[in-house]
Amino acid sequence: MPTKTEPKTKKPIKAGNKEKYVEAVGRRKTSVARVRLWSGRAKTSKEPEVVVNGAAFTKYFSLPKHQKVVKAPFDALSLKEYSATAQVSGGGTSSQAEAIRLGLARTLVALNPLWRVKLKSLGFLKRDPRMVERKKPGLRKARRPQQWRKR
């Protein structure tokens, strides 16, 4: 157990296949994604391999827009030699895809700090703070009032 003077750091640890990985967490709205990045990929694939909740990200995210969001950090850096797994929960598909994107960007920066400039300029390292506004009493939604009827 680390003492108060020792910082709590996450170092790469050995995975089941004896390879080291880098881990990071990405969040968006109520989605939380735990992303692990390995060097190396499947020999048959020409793109980085990303597995989300045990399924390929192309199967998990059926819309091409969400697939593009997940691949964005790899595309920005023109990387093809990495594999990643993500465990994601909460929220909808859009927020899950953006949470994975943030987690991937954080793992890539942990792997190589020189990539930070490019990823930061594209906005991949910023956690989007927007959340759903709460419903107020007497209103239908957060700001929509009751409908007024003349008769």
N, C-alpha and C. Protein backbone atom coordinates (compact mmCIF):
# COMPACT_ATOMS: atom_id res chain seq x y z
N MET A 1 0.84 -1.17 0.00
CA MET A 1 0.00 0.00 0.00
C MET A 1 0.89 1.24 0.00
N PRO A 2 0.70 2.18 -0.94
CA PRO A 2 1.56 3.36 -0.98
C PRO A 2 1.25 4.30 0.18
N THR A 3 2.31 4.89 0.69
CA THR A 3 2.11 5.87 1.75
C THR A 3 1.67 7.19 1.13
N LYS A 4 1.41 8.18 1.99
CA LYS A 4 0.93 9.46 1.48
C LYS A 4 2.00 10.20 0.70
N THR A 5 3.26 9.91 0.96
CA THR A 5 4.33 10.61 0.24
C THR A 5 4.58 9.99 -1.13
N GLU A 6 4.27 8.71 -1.29
CA GLU A 6 4.49 8.05 -2.59
C GLU A 6 3.31 8.31 -3.51
N PRO A 7 3.56 8.78 -4.72
CA PRO A 7 2.44 8.95 -5.64
C PRO A 7 1.95 7.59 -6.14
N LYS A 8 0.66 7.49 -6.33
CA LYS A 8 0.07 6.25 -6.83
C LYS A 8 0.13 6.27 -8.34
N THR A 9 0.98 5.44 -8.94
CA THR A 9 1.16 5.45 -10.39
C THR A 9 0.72 4.12 -10.96
N LYS A 10 0.23 4.17 -12.19
CA LYS A 10 -0.10 2.95 -12.91
C LYS A 10 1.02 2.66 -13.88
N LYS A 11 1.74 1.60 -13.62
CA LYS A 11 2.82 1.20 -14.52
C LYS A 11 2.33 0.05 -15.38
N PRO A 12 2.92 -0.08 -16.56
CA PRO A 12 2.56 -1.24 -17.38
C PRO A 12 2.90 -2.53 -16.65
N ILE A 13 1.99 -3.48 -16.69
CA ILE A 13 2.23 -4.76 -16.03
C ILE A 13 2.15 -5.86 -17.07
N LYS A 14 2.54 -7.04 -16.67
CA LYS A 14 2.55 -8.16 -17.62
C LYS A 14 1.14 -8.69 -17.80
N ALA A 15 0.78 -8.89 -19.04
CA ALA A 15 -0.52 -9.47 -19.37
C ALA A 15 -0.38 -10.98 -19.45
N GLY A 16 -1.45 -11.65 -19.77
CA GLY A 16 -1.44 -13.10 -19.84
C GLY A 16 -0.52 -13.63 -20.91
N ASN A 17 -0.33 -12.88 -22.01
CA ASN A 17 0.52 -13.37 -23.09
C ASN A 17 1.94 -12.79 -22.99
N LYS A 18 2.36 -12.44 -21.79
CA LYS A 18 3.72 -11.99 -21.49
C LYS A 18 4.11 -10.68 -22.18
N GLU A 19 3.15 -9.93 -22.68
CA GLU A 19 3.44 -8.64 -23.28
C GLU A 19 3.05 -7.54 -22.31
N LYS A 20 3.74 -6.42 -22.38
CA LYS A 20 3.39 -5.29 -21.53
C LYS A 20 2.34 -4.44 -22.23
N TYR A 21 1.50 -3.82 -21.43
CA TYR A 21 0.49 -2.94 -21.98
C TYR A 21 0.42 -1.66 -21.17
N VAL A 22 -0.22 -0.67 -21.73
CA VAL A 22 -0.44 0.60 -21.06
C VAL A 22 -1.95 0.74 -20.88
N GLU A 23 -2.37 1.21 -19.72
CA GLU A 23 -3.78 1.29 -19.40
C GLU A 23 -4.17 2.72 -19.07
N ALA A 24 -5.37 3.13 -19.49
CA ALA A 24 -5.89 4.46 -19.17
C ALA A 24 -7.41 4.39 -19.11
N VAL A 25 -7.99 5.40 -18.50
CA VAL A 25 -9.45 5.49 -18.37
C VAL A 25 -9.93 6.70 -19.15
N GLY A 26 -11.01 6.51 -19.90
CA GLY A 26 -11.64 7.60 -20.61
C GLY A 26 -13.09 7.73 -20.17
N ARG A 27 -13.57 8.96 -20.06
CA ARG A 27 -14.94 9.18 -19.62
C ARG A 27 -15.64 10.19 -20.52
N ARG A 28 -16.96 10.05 -20.64
CA ARG A 28 -17.79 11.00 -21.37
C ARG A 28 -19.21 10.82 -20.89
N LYS A 29 -19.86 11.90 -20.44
CA LYS A 29 -21.19 11.83 -19.83
C LYS A 29 -21.16 10.77 -18.73
N THR A 30 -21.95 9.72 -18.85
CA THR A 30 -21.93 8.68 -17.81
C THR A 30 -21.19 7.43 -18.27
N SER A 31 -20.51 7.48 -19.40
CA SER A 31 -19.74 6.33 -19.90
C SER A 31 -18.34 6.33 -19.31
N VAL A 32 -17.88 5.15 -18.98
CA VAL A 32 -16.52 4.97 -18.47
C VAL A 32 -15.89 3.84 -19.27
N ALA A 33 -14.71 4.09 -19.84
CA ALA A 33 -14.01 3.09 -20.63
C ALA A 33 -12.62 2.86 -20.05
N ARG A 34 -12.30 1.59 -19.79
CA ARG A 34 -10.95 1.22 -19.38
C ARG A 34 -10.25 0.63 -20.60
N VAL A 35 -9.21 1.30 -21.06
CA VAL A 35 -8.56 0.94 -22.32
C VAL A 35 -7.16 0.42 -22.03
N ARG A 36 -6.80 -0.69 -22.68
CA ARG A 36 -5.44 -1.25 -22.59
C ARG A 36 -4.87 -1.31 -24.00
N LEU A 37 -3.63 -0.88 -24.13
CA LEU A 37 -2.98 -0.80 -25.44
C LEU A 37 -1.72 -1.67 -25.44
N TRP A 38 -1.61 -2.53 -26.45
CA TRP A 38 -0.44 -3.37 -26.65
C TRP A 38 0.26 -2.97 -27.94
N SER A 39 1.56 -3.18 -27.99
CA SER A 39 2.24 -3.05 -29.27
C SER A 39 2.11 -4.38 -29.98
N GLY A 40 1.89 -4.33 -31.27
CA GLY A 40 1.66 -5.54 -32.05
C GLY A 40 0.19 -5.66 -32.41
N ARG A 41 -0.09 -6.31 -33.52
CA ARG A 41 -1.47 -6.47 -33.98
C ARG A 41 -1.60 -7.80 -34.70
N ALA A 42 -2.81 -8.12 -35.10
CA ALA A 42 -3.03 -9.35 -35.85
C ALA A 42 -2.35 -9.25 -37.20
N LYS A 43 -1.70 -10.30 -37.64
CA LYS A 43 -0.94 -10.27 -38.89
C LYS A 43 -1.84 -10.13 -40.12
N THR A 44 -3.09 -10.57 -40.02
CA THR A 44 -3.99 -10.51 -41.17
C THR A 44 -4.61 -9.13 -41.35
N SER A 45 -4.60 -8.33 -40.33
CA SER A 45 -5.27 -7.03 -40.39
C SER A 45 -4.31 -5.94 -40.86
N LYS A 46 -4.85 -4.97 -41.61
CA LYS A 46 -4.06 -3.82 -42.04
C LYS A 46 -4.32 -2.61 -41.17
N GLU A 47 -5.20 -2.75 -40.19
CA GLU A 47 -5.55 -1.65 -39.29
C GLU A 47 -5.31 -2.08 -37.86
N PRO A 48 -5.26 -1.11 -36.93
CA PRO A 48 -5.12 -1.47 -35.52
C PRO A 48 -6.32 -2.29 -35.07
N GLU A 49 -6.05 -3.27 -34.24
CA GLU A 49 -7.12 -4.13 -33.75
C GLU A 49 -7.65 -3.56 -32.43
N VAL A 50 -8.95 -3.27 -32.38
CA VAL A 50 -9.58 -2.74 -31.18
C VAL A 50 -10.74 -3.67 -30.82
N VAL A 51 -10.74 -4.17 -29.60
CA VAL A 51 -11.79 -5.05 -29.11
C VAL A 51 -12.54 -4.32 -28.00
N VAL A 52 -13.86 -4.22 -28.15
CA VAL A 52 -14.68 -3.52 -27.16
C VAL A 52 -15.63 -4.52 -26.53
N ASN A 53 -15.53 -4.68 -25.21
CA ASN A 53 -16.38 -5.62 -24.46
C ASN A 53 -16.40 -7.00 -25.09
N GLY A 54 -15.27 -7.47 -25.56
CA GLY A 54 -15.15 -8.81 -26.11
C GLY A 54 -15.51 -8.95 -27.58
N ALA A 55 -15.93 -7.89 -28.23
CA ALA A 55 -16.28 -7.94 -29.66
C ALA A 55 -15.44 -6.94 -30.42
N ALA A 56 -15.24 -7.17 -31.70
CA ALA A 56 -14.52 -6.21 -32.54
C ALA A 56 -15.29 -4.89 -32.56
N PHE A 57 -14.57 -3.79 -32.58
CA PHE A 57 -15.24 -2.49 -32.48
C PHE A 57 -16.17 -2.24 -33.67
N THR A 58 -15.90 -2.87 -34.83
CA THR A 58 -16.80 -2.71 -35.97
C THR A 58 -18.13 -3.43 -35.74
N LYS A 59 -18.11 -4.48 -34.93
CA LYS A 59 -19.36 -5.17 -34.58
C LYS A 59 -20.08 -4.44 -33.45
N TYR A 60 -19.31 -3.96 -32.47
CA TYR A 60 -19.91 -3.29 -31.31
C TYR A 60 -20.54 -1.95 -31.71
N PHE A 61 -19.82 -1.16 -32.53
CA PHE A 61 -20.35 0.10 -33.02
C PHE A 61 -20.75 -0.10 -34.47
N SER A 62 -22.05 -0.20 -34.72
CA SER A 62 -22.51 -0.49 -36.07
C SER A 62 -22.45 0.73 -36.99
N LEU A 63 -22.54 1.94 -36.44
CA LEU A 63 -22.51 3.14 -37.28
C LEU A 63 -21.07 3.51 -37.64
N PRO A 64 -20.82 3.84 -38.91
CA PRO A 64 -19.46 4.23 -39.32
C PRO A 64 -18.96 5.47 -38.59
N LYS A 65 -19.87 6.35 -38.19
CA LYS A 65 -19.48 7.56 -37.45
C LYS A 65 -18.81 7.19 -36.12
N HIS A 66 -19.37 6.22 -35.40
CA HIS A 66 -18.80 5.80 -34.13
C HIS A 66 -17.49 5.04 -34.33
N GLN A 67 -17.41 4.24 -35.40
CA GLN A 67 -16.18 3.52 -35.71
C GLN A 67 -15.05 4.51 -36.00
N LYS A 68 -15.39 5.58 -36.71
CA LYS A 68 -14.39 6.60 -37.05
C LYS A 68 -13.90 7.32 -35.79
N VAL A 69 -14.81 7.56 -34.84
CA VAL A 69 -14.44 8.22 -33.58
C VAL A 69 -13.46 7.34 -32.81
N VAL A 70 -13.71 6.03 -32.77
CA VAL A 70 -12.83 5.12 -32.03
C VAL A 70 -11.45 5.05 -32.67
N LYS A 71 -11.40 5.02 -34.01
CA LYS A 71 -10.11 4.90 -34.72
C LYS A 71 -9.36 6.22 -34.81
N ALA A 72 -9.98 7.33 -34.47
CA ALA A 72 -9.41 8.66 -34.71
C ALA A 72 -7.99 8.85 -34.15
N PRO A 73 -7.67 8.43 -32.91
CA PRO A 73 -6.28 8.62 -32.45
C PRO A 73 -5.25 7.88 -33.29
N PHE A 74 -5.59 6.66 -33.74
CA PHE A 74 -4.67 5.91 -34.59
C PHE A 74 -4.52 6.57 -35.96
N ASP A 75 -5.63 7.04 -36.52
CA ASP A 75 -5.60 7.69 -37.82
C ASP A 75 -4.81 9.00 -37.78
N ALA A 76 -4.95 9.74 -36.69
CA ALA A 76 -4.26 11.03 -36.57
C ALA A 76 -2.74 10.85 -36.55
N LEU A 77 -2.29 9.75 -35.96
CA LEU A 77 -0.85 9.50 -35.85
C LEU A 77 -0.35 8.51 -36.90
N SER A 78 -1.23 8.04 -37.77
CA SER A 78 -0.90 7.05 -38.81
C SER A 78 -0.26 5.80 -38.21
N LEU A 79 -0.89 5.28 -37.15
CA LEU A 79 -0.38 4.08 -36.48
C LEU A 79 -1.19 2.87 -36.91
N LYS A 80 -0.51 1.77 -37.13
CA LYS A 80 -1.18 0.54 -37.49
C LYS A 80 -0.69 -0.65 -36.67
N GLU A 81 0.36 -0.46 -35.89
CA GLU A 81 1.00 -1.60 -35.23
C GLU A 81 0.60 -1.77 -33.76
N TYR A 82 -0.64 -1.41 -33.41
CA TYR A 82 -1.08 -1.52 -32.02
C TYR A 82 -2.40 -2.28 -31.93
N SER A 83 -2.59 -2.94 -30.80
CA SER A 83 -3.85 -3.60 -30.47
C SER A 83 -4.36 -3.00 -29.18
N ALA A 84 -5.68 -2.91 -29.05
CA ALA A 84 -6.26 -2.33 -27.85
C ALA A 84 -7.51 -3.11 -27.46
N THR A 85 -7.75 -3.16 -26.15
CA THR A 85 -9.00 -3.69 -25.64
C THR A 85 -9.64 -2.62 -24.78
N ALA A 86 -10.97 -2.58 -24.78
CA ALA A 86 -11.69 -1.59 -23.99
C ALA A 86 -12.86 -2.25 -23.30
N GLN A 87 -13.00 -1.98 -22.02
CA GLN A 87 -14.18 -2.38 -21.26
C GLN A 87 -14.95 -1.09 -21.00
N VAL A 88 -16.13 -0.99 -21.58
CA VAL A 88 -16.89 0.25 -21.49
C VAL A 88 -18.27 -0.04 -20.91
N SER A 89 -18.76 0.89 -20.08
CA SER A 89 -20.08 0.73 -19.48
C SER A 89 -20.73 2.09 -19.31
N GLY A 90 -22.04 2.10 -19.27
CA GLY A 90 -22.81 3.31 -19.04
C GLY A 90 -22.98 4.14 -20.29
N GLY A 91 -23.99 5.01 -20.27
CA GLY A 91 -24.21 5.94 -21.36
C GLY A 91 -24.71 5.28 -22.63
N GLY A 92 -24.70 6.04 -23.71
CA GLY A 92 -25.12 5.55 -25.01
C GLY A 92 -23.93 5.27 -25.89
N THR A 93 -24.20 4.92 -27.15
CA THR A 93 -23.12 4.51 -28.04
C THR A 93 -22.19 5.67 -28.38
N SER A 94 -22.73 6.87 -28.56
CA SER A 94 -21.88 8.01 -28.89
C SER A 94 -20.93 8.34 -27.75
N SER A 95 -21.45 8.38 -26.53
CA SER A 95 -20.58 8.71 -25.40
C SER A 95 -19.59 7.58 -25.12
N GLN A 96 -19.97 6.34 -25.39
CA GLN A 96 -19.04 5.23 -25.21
C GLN A 96 -17.89 5.32 -26.21
N ALA A 97 -18.22 5.67 -27.46
CA ALA A 97 -17.17 5.81 -28.48
C ALA A 97 -16.21 6.93 -28.11
N GLU A 98 -16.73 8.06 -27.62
CA GLU A 98 -15.86 9.18 -27.25
C GLU A 98 -15.04 8.86 -26.01
N ALA A 99 -15.60 8.07 -25.08
CA ALA A 99 -14.84 7.66 -23.90
C ALA A 99 -13.68 6.76 -24.31
N ILE A 100 -13.91 5.86 -25.27
CA ILE A 100 -12.83 5.00 -25.76
C ILE A 100 -11.78 5.83 -26.46
N ARG A 101 -12.20 6.83 -27.23
CA ARG A 101 -11.24 7.71 -27.92
C ARG A 101 -10.33 8.41 -26.92
N LEU A 102 -10.90 8.93 -25.83
CA LEU A 102 -10.10 9.60 -24.81
C LEU A 102 -9.14 8.62 -24.14
N GLY A 103 -9.62 7.41 -23.85
CA GLY A 103 -8.75 6.40 -23.25
C GLY A 103 -7.61 6.00 -24.17
N LEU A 104 -7.90 5.82 -25.46
CA LEU A 104 -6.85 5.48 -26.42
C LEU A 104 -5.82 6.60 -26.53
N ALA A 105 -6.29 7.84 -26.59
CA ALA A 105 -5.37 8.97 -26.68
C ALA A 105 -4.46 9.03 -25.45
N ARG A 106 -5.03 8.78 -24.28
CA ARG A 106 -4.22 8.81 -23.06
C ARG A 106 -3.18 7.69 -23.04
N THR A 107 -3.55 6.51 -23.53
CA THR A 107 -2.58 5.41 -23.57
C THR A 107 -1.46 5.71 -24.56
N LEU A 108 -1.80 6.30 -25.70
CA LEU A 108 -0.78 6.63 -26.69
C LEU A 108 0.20 7.68 -26.16
N VAL A 109 -0.31 8.65 -25.40
CA VAL A 109 0.57 9.67 -24.82
C VAL A 109 1.46 9.04 -23.75
N ALA A 110 0.92 8.09 -22.98
CA ALA A 110 1.75 7.41 -21.99
C ALA A 110 2.84 6.59 -22.66
N LEU A 111 2.55 6.08 -23.84
CA LEU A 111 3.52 5.29 -24.59
C LEU A 111 4.61 6.17 -25.19
N ASN A 112 4.21 7.31 -25.76
CA ASN A 112 5.16 8.23 -26.40
C ASN A 112 4.71 9.67 -26.15
N PRO A 113 5.36 10.40 -25.25
CA PRO A 113 4.94 11.77 -24.92
C PRO A 113 5.04 12.74 -26.10
N LEU A 114 5.77 12.40 -27.15
CA LEU A 114 5.88 13.31 -28.30
C LEU A 114 4.57 13.39 -29.09
N TRP A 115 3.72 12.38 -28.96
CA TRP A 115 2.43 12.39 -29.65
C TRP A 115 1.42 13.32 -29.00
N ARG A 116 1.73 13.80 -27.80
CA ARG A 116 0.79 14.64 -27.05
C ARG A 116 0.40 15.90 -27.81
N VAL A 117 1.36 16.55 -28.47
CA VAL A 117 1.11 17.80 -29.19
C VAL A 117 0.05 17.60 -30.26
N LYS A 118 0.19 16.56 -31.05
CA LYS A 118 -0.76 16.29 -32.14
C LYS A 118 -2.14 15.94 -31.59
N LEU A 119 -2.18 15.05 -30.60
CA LEU A 119 -3.47 14.62 -30.06
C LEU A 119 -4.18 15.74 -29.31
N LYS A 120 -3.41 16.58 -28.64
CA LYS A 120 -4.01 17.69 -27.91
C LYS A 120 -4.58 18.73 -28.87
N SER A 121 -3.88 18.99 -29.97
CA SER A 121 -4.37 19.98 -30.93
C SER A 121 -5.67 19.51 -31.60
N LEU A 122 -5.87 18.20 -31.70
CA LEU A 122 -7.10 17.67 -32.27
C LEU A 122 -8.22 17.55 -31.23
N GLY A 123 -7.91 17.80 -29.96
CA GLY A 123 -8.92 17.77 -28.91
C GLY A 123 -9.20 16.39 -28.35
N PHE A 124 -8.32 15.43 -28.61
CA PHE A 124 -8.56 14.06 -28.15
C PHE A 124 -8.19 13.86 -26.68
N LEU A 125 -7.44 14.78 -26.09
CA LEU A 125 -7.02 14.62 -24.71
C LEU A 125 -7.88 15.41 -23.73
N LYS A 126 -8.91 16.08 -24.21
CA LYS A 126 -9.78 16.86 -23.35
C LYS A 126 -11.02 16.05 -23.00
N ARG A 127 -11.29 15.95 -21.73
CA ARG A 127 -12.50 15.27 -21.28
C ARG A 127 -13.66 16.23 -21.44
N ASP A 128 -14.65 15.85 -22.23
CA ASP A 128 -15.79 16.72 -22.51
C ASP A 128 -16.65 16.81 -21.25
N PRO A 129 -16.76 17.99 -20.62
CA PRO A 129 -17.43 18.09 -19.32
C PRO A 129 -18.96 18.19 -19.40
N ARG A 130 -19.51 18.25 -20.60
CA ARG A 130 -20.96 18.47 -20.71
C ARG A 130 -21.74 17.27 -20.20
N MET A 131 -22.70 17.54 -19.34
CA MET A 131 -23.56 16.50 -18.78
C MET A 131 -25.01 16.93 -18.98
N VAL A 132 -25.92 15.99 -18.78
CA VAL A 132 -27.34 16.29 -18.90
C VAL A 132 -27.77 17.15 -17.72
N GLU A 133 -28.50 18.22 -18.01
CA GLU A 133 -28.99 19.11 -16.96
C GLU A 133 -30.17 18.44 -16.25
N ARG A 134 -30.27 18.63 -14.96
CA ARG A 134 -31.31 17.97 -14.19
C ARG A 134 -32.68 18.60 -14.46
N LYS A 135 -33.72 17.81 -14.26
CA LYS A 135 -35.09 18.30 -14.43
C LYS A 135 -35.46 19.15 -13.22
N LYS A 136 -36.13 20.28 -13.48
CA LYS A 136 -36.55 21.19 -12.41
C LYS A 136 -38.01 20.92 -12.07
N PRO A 137 -38.41 21.14 -10.82
CA PRO A 137 -39.81 20.90 -10.44
C PRO A 137 -40.73 21.91 -11.12
N GLY A 138 -41.89 21.44 -11.55
CA GLY A 138 -42.87 22.29 -12.21
C GLY A 138 -42.65 22.42 -13.70
N LEU A 139 -41.55 21.88 -14.23
CA LEU A 139 -41.27 21.94 -15.66
C LEU A 139 -41.36 20.53 -16.24
N ARG A 140 -41.53 20.47 -17.56
CA ARG A 140 -41.58 19.16 -18.21
C ARG A 140 -40.21 18.53 -18.33
N LYS A 141 -39.23 19.34 -18.71
CA LYS A 141 -37.84 18.87 -18.81
C LYS A 141 -36.98 19.84 -18.01
N ALA A 142 -35.70 19.95 -18.34
CA ALA A 142 -34.82 20.83 -17.59
C ALA A 142 -35.25 22.30 -17.72
N ARG A 143 -35.65 22.69 -18.93
CA ARG A 143 -36.04 24.09 -19.15
C ARG A 143 -37.40 24.26 -19.82
N ARG A 144 -37.95 23.20 -20.39
CA ARG A 144 -39.22 23.32 -21.11
C ARG A 144 -40.37 23.46 -20.12
N PRO A 145 -41.12 24.57 -20.23
CA PRO A 145 -42.24 24.76 -19.30
C PRO A 145 -43.46 23.95 -19.70
N GLN A 146 -44.45 23.96 -18.81
CA GLN A 146 -45.73 23.33 -19.14
C GLN A 146 -46.35 24.06 -20.33
N GLN A 147 -47.08 23.34 -21.14
CA GLN A 147 -47.73 23.96 -22.30
C GLN A 147 -48.90 24.81 -21.82
N TRP A 148 -48.99 26.03 -22.37
CA TRP A 148 -50.06 26.93 -21.98
C TRP A 148 -51.24 26.74 -22.91
N ARG A 149 -52.45 26.64 -22.33
CA ARG A 149 -53.68 26.51 -23.13
C ARG A 149 -54.58 27.69 -22.87
N LYS A 150 -55.09 28.26 -23.93
CA LYS A 150 -55.99 29.40 -23.76
C LYS A 150 -57.37 28.94 -23.29
N ARG A 151 -57.85 27.84 -23.81
CA ARG A 151 -59.19 27.32 -23.43
C ARG A 151 -59.09 25.91 -22.90
